[in-house]
PDB file of all heavy atoms in Angstrom:
ATOM      1  N   ALA A   1     110.762  69.296  99.342  1.00  0.00           N
ATOM      2  CA  ALA A   1     110.255  68.095 100.123  1.00  0.00           C
ATOM      3  C   ALA A   1     108.726  68.025 100.144  1.00  0.00           C
ATOM      4  O   ALA A   1     108.257  66.989 100.418  1.00  0.00           O
ATOM      5  CB  ALA A   1     110.828  68.250 101.470  1.00  0.00           C
ATOM      6  N   VAL A   2     108.062  69.136  99.777  1.00  0.00           N
ATOM      7  CA  VAL A   2     106.607  69.111  99.882  1.00  0.00           C
ATOM      8  C   VAL A   2     106.019  69.678  98.586  1.00  0.00           C
ATOM      9  O   VAL A   2     106.663  70.328  97.747  1.00  0.00           O
ATOM     10  CB  VAL A   2     106.088  69.960 101.089  1.00  0.00           C
ATOM     11  CG1 VAL A   2     106.617  69.512 102.403  1.00  0.00           C
ATOM     12  CG2 VAL A   2     106.523  71.461 100.848  1.00  0.00           C
ATOM     13  N   ARG A   3     104.745  69.367  98.370  1.00  0.00           N
ATOM     14  CA  ARG A   3     104.070  69.874  97.192  1.00  0.00           C
ATOM     15  C   ARG A   3     103.538  71.297  97.527  1.00  0.00           C
ATOM     16  O   ARG A   3     103.237  71.624  98.636  1.00  0.00           O
ATOM     17  CB  ARG A   3     102.913  68.949  96.796  1.00  0.00           C
ATOM     18  CG  ARG A   3     103.411  67.589  96.328  1.00  0.00           C
ATOM     19  CD  ARG A   3     102.204  66.783  95.811  1.00  0.00           C
ATOM     20  NE  ARG A   3     101.236  66.427  96.904  1.00  0.00           N
ATOM     21  CZ  ARG A   3     100.068  66.010  96.678  1.00  0.00           C
ATOM     22  NH1 ARG A   3      99.612  65.671  95.444  1.00  0.00           N
ATOM     23  NH2 ARG A   3      99.268  65.708  97.724  1.00  0.00           N
ATOM     24  N   TYR A   4     103.459  72.042  96.448  1.00  0.00           N
ATOM     25  CA  TYR A   4     103.080  73.461  96.575  1.00  0.00           C
ATOM     26  C   TYR A   4     101.694  73.694  95.991  1.00  0.00           C
ATOM     27  O   TYR A   4     101.427  73.144  94.811  1.00  0.00           O
ATOM     28  CB  TYR A   4     104.056  74.421  95.868  1.00  0.00           C
ATOM     29  CG  TYR A   4     105.372  74.615  96.641  1.00  0.00           C
ATOM     30  CD1 TYR A   4     105.805  73.762  97.608  1.00  0.00           C
ATOM     31  CD2 TYR A   4     106.125  75.737  96.324  1.00  0.00           C
ATOM     32  CE1 TYR A   4     107.020  73.946  98.270  1.00  0.00           C
ATOM     33  CE2 TYR A   4     107.299  75.934  96.998  1.00  0.00           C
ATOM     34  CZ  TYR A   4     107.717  75.072  97.954  1.00  0.00           C
ATOM     35  OH  TYR A   4     108.889  75.298  98.616  1.00  0.00           O
ATOM     36  N   PRO A   5     100.779  74.530  96.610  1.00  0.00           N
ATOM     37  CA  PRO A   5      99.555  74.877  95.949  1.00  0.00           C
ATOM     38  C   PRO A   5      99.827  75.741  94.750  1.00  0.00           C
ATOM     39  O   PRO A   5     100.570  76.697  94.874  1.00  0.00           O
ATOM     40  CB  PRO A   5      98.803  75.637  97.063  1.00  0.00           C
ATOM     41  CG  PRO A   5      99.479  75.309  98.278  1.00  0.00           C
ATOM     42  CD  PRO A   5     100.886  75.064  97.996  1.00  0.00           C
ATOM     43  N   TRP A   6      99.280  75.407  93.696  1.00  0.00           N
ATOM     44  CA  TRP A   6      99.413  76.213  92.402  1.00  0.00           C
ATOM     45  C   TRP A   6      98.269  76.047  91.473  1.00  0.00           C
ATOM     46  O   TRP A   6      97.758  74.951  91.314  1.00  0.00           O
ATOM     47  CB  TRP A   6     100.742  75.771  91.746  1.00  0.00           C
ATOM     48  CG  TRP A   6     101.144  76.779  90.658  1.00  0.00           C
ATOM     49  CD1 TRP A   6     100.930  76.602  89.299  1.00  0.00           C
ATOM     50  CD2 TRP A   6     101.819  77.999  90.864  1.00  0.00           C
ATOM     51  NE1 TRP A   6     101.434  77.674  88.661  1.00  0.00           N
ATOM     52  CE2 TRP A   6     101.937  78.591  89.538  1.00  0.00           C
ATOM     53  CE3 TRP A   6     102.274  78.713  91.947  1.00  0.00           C
ATOM     54  CZ2 TRP A   6     102.540  79.787  89.341  1.00  0.00           C
ATOM     55  CZ3 TRP A   6     102.858  79.875  91.772  1.00  0.00           C
ATOM     56  CH2 TRP A   6     102.977  80.431  90.511  1.00  0.00           C
ATOM     57  N   ALA A   7      97.897  77.050  90.838  1.00  0.00           N
ATOM     58  CA  ALA A   7      96.766  76.990  89.906  1.00  0.00           C
ATOM     59  C   ALA A   7      97.079  77.773  88.622  1.00  0.00           C
ATOM     60  O   ALA A   7      97.943  78.700  88.663  1.00  0.00           O
ATOM     61  CB  ALA A   7      95.483  77.599  90.537  1.00  0.00           C
ATOM     62  N   ASP A   8      96.434  77.454  87.503  1.00  0.00           N
ATOM     63  CA  ASP A   8      96.591  78.178  86.308  1.00  0.00           C
ATOM     64  C   ASP A   8      96.219  79.622  86.555  1.00  0.00           C
ATOM     65  O   ASP A   8      95.304  79.989  87.246  1.00  0.00           O
ATOM     66  CB  ASP A   8      95.644  77.594  85.225  1.00  0.00           C
ATOM     67  CG  ASP A   8      96.001  76.208  84.790  1.00  0.00           C
ATOM     68  OD1 ASP A   8      97.196  75.825  84.972  1.00  0.00           O
ATOM     69  OD2 ASP A   8      95.155  75.569  84.165  1.00  0.00           O
ATOM     70  N   GLY A   9      97.028  80.496  85.942  1.00  0.00           N
ATOM     71  CA  GLY A   9      96.801  81.961  86.090  1.00  0.00           C
ATOM     72  C   GLY A   9      97.552  82.588  87.242  1.00  0.00           C
ATOM     73  O   GLY A   9      97.414  83.819  87.414  1.00  0.00           O
ATOM     74  N   PHE A  10      98.145  81.798  88.071  1.00  0.00           N
ATOM     75  CA  PHE A  10      98.901  82.442  89.178  1.00  0.00           C
ATOM     76  C   PHE A  10     100.009  83.220  88.690  1.00  0.00           C
ATOM     77  O   PHE A  10     100.659  82.940  87.636  1.00  0.00           O
ATOM     78  CB  PHE A  10      99.420  81.374  90.093  1.00  0.00           C
ATOM     79  CG  PHE A  10      98.459  80.957  91.185  1.00  0.00           C
ATOM     80  CD1 PHE A  10      97.136  81.366  91.214  1.00  0.00           C
ATOM     81  CD2 PHE A  10      98.815  80.079  92.207  1.00  0.00           C
ATOM     82  CE1 PHE A  10      96.237  81.002  92.202  1.00  0.00           C
ATOM     83  CE2 PHE A  10      97.906  79.700  93.198  1.00  0.00           C
ATOM     84  CZ  PHE A  10      96.620  80.176  93.189  1.00  0.00           C
ATOM     85  N   PHE A  11     100.357  84.278  89.428  1.00  0.00           N
ATOM     86  CA  PHE A  11     101.270  85.367  88.951  1.00  0.00           C
ATOM     87  C   PHE A  11     102.682  84.905  89.234  1.00  0.00           C
ATOM     88  O   PHE A  11     103.052  84.532  90.377  1.00  0.00           O
ATOM     89  CB  PHE A  11     100.931  86.649  89.643  1.00  0.00           C
ATOM     90  CG  PHE A  11     101.761  87.834  89.213  1.00  0.00           C
ATOM     91  CD1 PHE A  11     101.505  88.598  88.160  1.00  0.00           C
ATOM     92  CD2 PHE A  11     102.910  88.129  89.935  1.00  0.00           C
ATOM     93  CE1 PHE A  11     102.225  89.700  87.763  1.00  0.00           C
ATOM     94  CE2 PHE A  11     103.671  89.206  89.613  1.00  0.00           C
ATOM     95  CZ  PHE A  11     103.344  89.991  88.526  1.00  0.00           C
ATOM     96  N   ILE A  12     103.600  85.118  88.308  1.00  0.00           N
ATOM     97  CA  ILE A  12     105.039  84.952  88.469  1.00  0.00           C
ATOM     98  C   ILE A  12     105.636  86.317  88.081  1.00  0.00           C
ATOM     99  O   ILE A  12     105.359  86.825  87.031  1.00  0.00           O
ATOM    100  CB  ILE A  12     105.556  83.863  87.578  1.00  0.00           C
ATOM    101  CG1 ILE A  12     104.996  82.494  88.069  1.00  0.00           C
ATOM    102  CG2 ILE A  12     107.097  83.828  87.660  1.00  0.00           C
ATOM    103  CD1 ILE A  12     105.538  81.278  87.252  1.00  0.00           C
ATOM    104  N   GLU A  13     106.523  86.757  88.952  1.00  0.00           N
ATOM    105  CA  GLU A  13     107.219  88.045  88.735  1.00  0.00           C
ATOM    106  C   GLU A  13     107.846  88.028  87.331  1.00  0.00           C
ATOM    107  O   GLU A  13     108.629  87.122  86.971  1.00  0.00           O
ATOM    108  CB  GLU A  13     108.245  88.294  89.842  1.00  0.00           C
ATOM    109  CG  GLU A  13     109.059  89.600  89.659  1.00  0.00           C
ATOM    110  CD  GLU A  13     110.602  89.370  89.806  1.00  0.00           C
ATOM    111  OE1 GLU A  13     110.914  88.318  90.406  1.00  0.00           O
ATOM    112  OE2 GLU A  13     111.290  90.143  89.327  1.00  0.00           O
ATOM    113  N   PRO A  14     107.615  89.092  86.549  1.00  0.00           N
ATOM    114  CA  PRO A  14     108.134  89.089  85.222  1.00  0.00           C
ATOM    115  C   PRO A  14     109.621  89.379  85.071  1.00  0.00           C
ATOM    116  O   PRO A  14     110.142  89.252  83.911  1.00  0.00           O
ATOM    117  CB  PRO A  14     107.275  90.160  84.457  1.00  0.00           C
ATOM    118  CG  PRO A  14     106.875  91.085  85.578  1.00  0.00           C
ATOM    119  CD  PRO A  14     106.707  90.206  86.794  1.00  0.00           C
ATOM    120  N   LEU A  15     110.200  89.929  86.058  1.00  0.00           N
ATOM    121  CA  LEU A  15     111.714  90.178  86.021  1.00  0.00           C
ATOM    122  C   LEU A  15     112.486  88.943  86.093  1.00  0.00           C
ATOM    123  O   LEU A  15     112.038  87.803  86.222  1.00  0.00           O
ATOM    124  CB  LEU A  15     112.072  91.228  87.040  1.00  0.00           C
ATOM    125  CG  LEU A  15     111.279  92.533  87.048  1.00  0.00           C
ATOM    126  CD1 LEU A  15     111.772  93.452  88.109  1.00  0.00           C
ATOM    127  CD2 LEU A  15     111.337  93.179  85.681  1.00  0.00           C
ATOM    128  N   SER A  16     113.816  89.067  86.068  1.00  0.00           N
ATOM    129  CA  SER A  16     114.694  87.908  86.019  1.00  0.00           C
ATOM    130  C   SER A  16     114.696  86.984  87.170  1.00  0.00           C
ATOM    131  O   SER A  16     114.934  85.797  87.077  1.00  0.00           O
ATOM    132  CB  SER A  16     116.146  88.365  85.806  1.00  0.00           C
ATOM    133  OG  SER A  16     116.560  89.214  86.873  1.00  0.00           O
ATOM    134  N   ASP A  17     114.291  87.428  88.414  1.00  0.00           N
ATOM    135  CA  ASP A  17     114.229  86.586  89.516  1.00  0.00           C
ATOM    136  C   ASP A  17     112.990  85.666  89.445  1.00  0.00           C
ATOM    137  O   ASP A  17     112.996  84.643  90.163  1.00  0.00           O
ATOM    138  CB  ASP A  17     114.130  87.354  90.793  1.00  0.00           C
ATOM    139  CG  ASP A  17     115.491  87.963  91.190  1.00  0.00           C
ATOM    140  OD1 ASP A  17     116.486  87.624  90.590  1.00  0.00           O
ATOM    141  OD2 ASP A  17     115.542  88.818  92.174  1.00  0.00           O
ATOM    142  N   HIS A  18     111.958  86.045  88.717  1.00  0.00           N
ATOM    143  CA  HIS A  18     110.736  85.270  88.598  1.00  0.00           C
ATOM    144  C   HIS A  18     110.121  84.834  89.942  1.00  0.00           C
ATOM    145  O   HIS A  18     109.819  83.661  90.183  1.00  0.00           O
ATOM    146  CB  HIS A  18     111.027  84.027  87.699  1.00  0.00           C
ATOM    147  CG  HIS A  18     111.436  84.315  86.295  1.00  0.00           C
ATOM    148  ND1 HIS A  18     112.001  83.325  85.501  1.00  0.00           N
ATOM    149  CD2 HIS A  18     111.280  85.461  85.584  1.00  0.00           C
ATOM    150  CE1 HIS A  18     112.244  83.946  84.353  1.00  0.00           C
ATOM    151  NE2 HIS A  18     111.805  85.220  84.381  1.00  0.00           N
ATOM    152  N   HIS A  19     109.990  85.787  90.840  1.00  0.00           N
ATOM    153  CA  HIS A  19     109.346  85.524  92.078  1.00  0.00           C
ATOM    154  C   HIS A  19     107.935  85.234  91.834  1.00  0.00           C
ATOM    155  O   HIS A  19     107.258  85.824  90.942  1.00  0.00           O
ATOM    156  CB  HIS A  19     109.424  86.725  93.001  1.00  0.00           C
ATOM    157  CG  HIS A  19     110.841  87.005  93.431  1.00  0.00           C
ATOM    158  ND1 HIS A  19     111.305  88.324  93.557  1.00  0.00           N
ATOM    159  CD2 HIS A  19     111.885  86.211  93.776  1.00  0.00           C
ATOM    160  CE1 HIS A  19     112.582  88.341  93.991  1.00  0.00           C
ATOM    161  NE2 HIS A  19     112.919  87.026  94.123  1.00  0.00           N
ATOM    162  N   ALA A  20     107.345  84.331  92.705  1.00  0.00           N
ATOM    163  CA  ALA A  20     105.880  84.133  92.643  1.00  0.00           C
ATOM    164  C   ALA A  20     105.416  83.985  94.118  1.00  0.00           C
ATOM    165  O   ALA A  20     106.195  83.269  94.903  1.00  0.00           O
ATOM    166  CB  ALA A  20     105.527  82.923  91.867  1.00  0.00           C
ATOM    167  N   MET A  21     104.356  84.597  94.520  1.00  0.00           N
ATOM    168  CA  MET A  21     103.844  84.493  95.909  1.00  0.00           C
ATOM    169  C   MET A  21     102.435  84.003  95.944  1.00  0.00           C
ATOM    170  O   MET A  21     101.609  84.504  95.127  1.00  0.00           O
ATOM    171  CB  MET A  21     104.036  85.867  96.577  1.00  0.00           C
ATOM    172  CG  MET A  21     105.420  86.262  96.821  1.00  0.00           C
ATOM    173  SD  MET A  21     105.545  87.852  97.767  1.00  0.00           S
ATOM    174  CE  MET A  21     105.105  89.067  96.518  1.00  0.00           C
ATOM    175  N   VAL A  22     102.182  83.030  96.792  1.00  0.00           N
ATOM    176  CA  VAL A  22     100.849  82.526  96.947  1.00  0.00           C
ATOM    177  C   VAL A  22     100.473  82.429  98.395  1.00  0.00           C
ATOM    178  O   VAL A  22     101.252  82.006  99.253  1.00  0.00           O
ATOM    179  CB  VAL A  22     100.727  81.102  96.373  1.00  0.00           C
ATOM    180  CG1 VAL A  22      99.284  80.502  96.557  1.00  0.00           C
ATOM    181  CG2 VAL A  22     101.176  81.075  94.968  1.00  0.00           C
ATOM    182  N   VAL A  23      99.270  82.872  98.751  1.00  0.00           N
ATOM    183  CA  VAL A  23      98.767  82.703 100.099  1.00  0.00           C
ATOM    184  C   VAL A  23      97.598  81.702 100.071  1.00  0.00           C
ATOM    185  O   VAL A  23      96.562  81.990  99.474  1.00  0.00           O
ATOM    186  CB  VAL A  23      98.257  84.069 100.699  1.00  0.00           C
ATOM    187  CG1 VAL A  23      97.669  83.783 102.093  1.00  0.00           C
ATOM    188  CG2 VAL A  23      99.469  85.021 100.835  1.00  0.00           C
ATOM    189  N   GLN A  24      97.783  80.585 100.710  1.00  0.00           N
ATOM    190  CA  GLN A  24      96.680  79.627 100.873  1.00  0.00           C
ATOM    191  C   GLN A  24      96.033  79.982 102.246  1.00  0.00           C
ATOM    192  O   GLN A  24      96.664  79.829 103.195  1.00  0.00           O
ATOM    193  CB  GLN A  24      97.280  78.195 100.845  1.00  0.00           C
ATOM    194  CG  GLN A  24      96.310  77.156 100.375  1.00  0.00           C
ATOM    195  CD  GLN A  24      95.368  76.675 101.435  1.00  0.00           C
ATOM    196  OE1 GLN A  24      95.324  77.208 102.495  1.00  0.00           O
ATOM    197  NE2 GLN A  24      94.705  75.614 101.252  1.00  0.00           N
ATOM    198  N   THR A  25      94.786  80.316 102.115  1.00  0.00           N
ATOM    199  CA  THR A  25      94.178  81.009 103.294  1.00  0.00           C
ATOM    200  C   THR A  25      93.553  80.128 104.260  1.00  0.00           C
ATOM    201  O   THR A  25      92.625  80.536 104.964  1.00  0.00           O
ATOM    202  CB  THR A  25      93.169  81.991 102.742  1.00  0.00           C
ATOM    203  OG1 THR A  25      92.194  81.321 101.943  1.00  0.00           O
ATOM    204  CG2 THR A  25      93.772  83.118 101.925  1.00  0.00           C
ATOM    205  N   GLN A  26      94.011  78.845 104.415  1.00  0.00           N
ATOM    206  CA  GLN A  26      93.314  77.993 105.356  1.00  0.00           C
ATOM    207  C   GLN A  26      94.297  77.265 106.325  1.00  0.00           C
ATOM    208  O   GLN A  26      93.754  76.783 107.341  1.00  0.00           O
ATOM    209  CB  GLN A  26      92.422  76.965 104.635  1.00  0.00           C
ATOM    210  CG  GLN A  26      91.279  77.655 103.983  1.00  0.00           C
ATOM    211  CD  GLN A  26      90.410  76.735 103.064  1.00  0.00           C
ATOM    212  OE1 GLN A  26      90.943  76.198 102.133  1.00  0.00           O
ATOM    213  NE2 GLN A  26      89.152  76.598 103.380  1.00  0.00           N
ATOM    214  N   LEU A  27      95.509  77.094 106.055  1.00  0.00           N
ATOM    215  CA  LEU A  27      96.409  76.311 106.931  1.00  0.00           C
ATOM    216  C   LEU A  27      97.584  77.217 107.402  1.00  0.00           C
ATOM    217  O   LEU A  27      98.352  76.820 108.222  1.00  0.00           O
ATOM    218  CB  LEU A  27      97.014  75.159 106.194  1.00  0.00           C
ATOM    219  CG  LEU A  27      95.983  74.085 105.760  1.00  0.00           C
ATOM    220  CD1 LEU A  27      96.668  72.969 104.968  1.00  0.00           C
ATOM    221  CD2 LEU A  27      95.204  73.517 106.955  1.00  0.00           C
ATOM    222  N   CYS A  28      97.755  78.418 106.898  1.00  0.00           N
ATOM    223  CA  CYS A  28      98.764  79.408 107.306  1.00  0.00           C
ATOM    224  C   CYS A  28     100.169  78.828 107.121  1.00  0.00           C
ATOM    225  O   CYS A  28     100.977  78.961 108.041  1.00  0.00           O
ATOM    226  CB  CYS A  28      98.545  79.844 108.735  1.00  0.00           C
ATOM    227  SG  CYS A  28      97.007  80.798 108.868  1.00  0.00           S
ATOM    228  N   GLN A  29     100.355  78.093 106.038  1.00  0.00           N
ATOM    229  CA  GLN A  29     101.770  77.622 105.709  1.00  0.00           C
ATOM    230  C   GLN A  29     102.276  78.485 104.620  1.00  0.00           C
ATOM    231  O   GLN A  29     101.608  78.883 103.625  1.00  0.00           O
ATOM    232  CB  GLN A  29     101.763  76.184 105.204  1.00  0.00           C
ATOM    233  CG  GLN A  29     101.145  75.242 106.208  1.00  0.00           C
ATOM    234  CD  GLN A  29     102.015  75.182 107.417  1.00  0.00           C
ATOM    235  OE1 GLN A  29     103.229  75.039 107.387  1.00  0.00           O
ATOM    236  NE2 GLN A  29     101.417  75.186 108.674  1.00  0.00           N
ATOM    237  N   LEU A  30     103.552  78.883 104.666  1.00  0.00           N
ATOM    238  CA  LEU A  30     104.230  79.787 103.724  1.00  0.00           C
ATOM    239  C   LEU A  30     105.235  78.932 102.967  1.00  0.00           C
ATOM    240  O   LEU A  30     106.039  78.238 103.530  1.00  0.00           O
ATOM    241  CB  LEU A  30     104.937  80.923 104.468  1.00  0.00           C
ATOM    242  CG  LEU A  30     105.856  81.763 103.644  1.00  0.00           C
ATOM    243  CD1 LEU A  30     105.071  82.589 102.603  1.00  0.00           C
ATOM    244  CD2 LEU A  30     106.620  82.663 104.524  1.00  0.00           C
ATOM    245  N   TYR A  31     105.184  79.071 101.671  1.00  0.00           N
ATOM    246  CA  TYR A  31     106.104  78.354 100.774  1.00  0.00           C
ATOM    247  C   TYR A  31     106.729  79.388  99.831  1.00  0.00           C
ATOM    248  O   TYR A  31     106.042  80.329  99.337  1.00  0.00           O
ATOM    249  CB  TYR A  31     105.406  77.343  99.898  1.00  0.00           C
ATOM    250  CG  TYR A  31     104.555  76.340 100.665  1.00  0.00           C
ATOM    251  CD1 TYR A  31     103.260  76.676 101.033  1.00  0.00           C
ATOM    252  CD2 TYR A  31     105.075  75.112 100.992  1.00  0.00           C
ATOM    253  CE1 TYR A  31     102.585  75.760 101.775  1.00  0.00           C
ATOM    254  CE2 TYR A  31     104.344  74.184 101.684  1.00  0.00           C
ATOM    255  CZ  TYR A  31     103.003  74.487 102.077  1.00  0.00           C
ATOM    256  OH  TYR A  31     102.210  73.615 102.781  1.00  0.00           O
ATOM    257  N   GLU A  32     108.021  79.300  99.566  1.00  0.00           N
ATOM    258  CA  GLU A  32     108.640  80.204  98.714  1.00  0.00           C
ATOM    259  C   GLU A  32     109.485  79.513  97.621  1.00  0.00           C
ATOM    260  O   GLU A  32     110.056  78.426  97.956  1.00  0.00           O
ATOM    261  CB  GLU A  32     109.658  81.213  99.490  1.00  0.00           C
ATOM    262  CG  GLU A  32     108.856  82.001 100.497  1.00  0.00           C
ATOM    263  CD  GLU A  32     109.725  83.039 101.139  1.00  0.00           C
ATOM    264  OE1 GLU A  32     110.974  83.228 100.670  1.00  0.00           O
ATOM    265  OE2 GLU A  32     109.249  83.811 101.964  1.00  0.00           O
ATOM    266  N   MET A  33     109.556  80.003  96.471  1.00  0.00           N
ATOM    267  CA  MET A  33     110.476  79.552  95.428  1.00  0.00           C
ATOM    268  C   MET A  33     111.195  80.600  94.716  1.00  0.00           C
ATOM    269  O   MET A  33     110.650  81.772  94.594  1.00  0.00           O
ATOM    270  CB  MET A  33     109.619  78.666  94.401  1.00  0.00           C
ATOM    271  CG  MET A  33     109.043  77.423  94.954  1.00  0.00           C
ATOM    272  SD  MET A  33     108.219  76.459  93.680  1.00  0.00           S
ATOM    273  CE  MET A  33     106.986  77.636  93.145  1.00  0.00           C
ATOM    274  N   TYR A  34     112.360  80.351  94.215  1.00  0.00           N
ATOM    275  CA  TYR A  34     113.088  81.289  93.362  1.00  0.00           C
ATOM    276  C   TYR A  34     113.323  80.655  91.973  1.00  0.00           C
ATOM    277  O   TYR A  34     113.658  79.425  91.897  1.00  0.00           O
ATOM    278  CB  TYR A  34     114.382  81.605  94.058  1.00  0.00           C
ATOM    279  CG  TYR A  34     115.476  82.357  93.254  1.00  0.00           C
ATOM    280  CD1 TYR A  34     115.395  83.754  93.200  1.00  0.00           C
ATOM    281  CD2 TYR A  34     116.513  81.676  92.574  1.00  0.00           C
ATOM    282  CE1 TYR A  34     116.344  84.408  92.400  1.00  0.00           C
ATOM    283  CE2 TYR A  34     117.386  82.355  91.841  1.00  0.00           C
ATOM    284  CZ  TYR A  34     117.360  83.691  91.743  1.00  0.00           C
ATOM    285  OH  TYR A  34     118.277  84.348  91.018  1.00  0.00           O
ATOM    286  N   GLY A  35     113.244  81.356  90.904  1.00  0.00           N
ATOM    287  CA  GLY A  35     113.467  80.814  89.542  1.00  0.00           C
ATOM    288  C   GLY A  35     112.368  79.940  89.130  1.00  0.00           C
ATOM    289  O   GLY A  35     112.506  78.930  88.420  1.00  0.00           O
ATOM    290  N   ALA A  36     111.131  80.218  89.530  1.00  0.00           N
ATOM    291  CA  ALA A  36     109.978  79.376  89.227  1.00  0.00           C
ATOM    292  C   ALA A  36     109.513  79.540  87.760  1.00  0.00           C
ATOM    293  O   ALA A  36     109.567  80.593  87.139  1.00  0.00           O
ATOM    294  CB  ALA A  36     108.813  79.639  90.142  1.00  0.00           C
ATOM    295  N   THR A  37     109.110  78.407  87.220  1.00  0.00           N
ATOM    296  CA  THR A  37     108.462  78.348  85.917  1.00  0.00           C
ATOM    297  C   THR A  37     107.234  77.430  85.991  1.00  0.00           C
ATOM    298  O   THR A  37     107.270  76.573  86.856  1.00  0.00           O
ATOM    299  CB  THR A  37     109.402  77.866  84.818  1.00  0.00           C
ATOM    300  OG1 THR A  37     109.770  76.483  85.091  1.00  0.00           O
ATOM    301  CG2 THR A  37     110.664  78.776  84.674  1.00  0.00           C
TER     302      THR A  37
END
């Protein structure tokens, strides 16, 4: 439903779940995704 902060070079977990975690340090909103590419 919402757009996610994302930049080139951000880390995606290399295993099969492909987790990626981002902390945007100004609004304290948490977003999670599974199977990200």
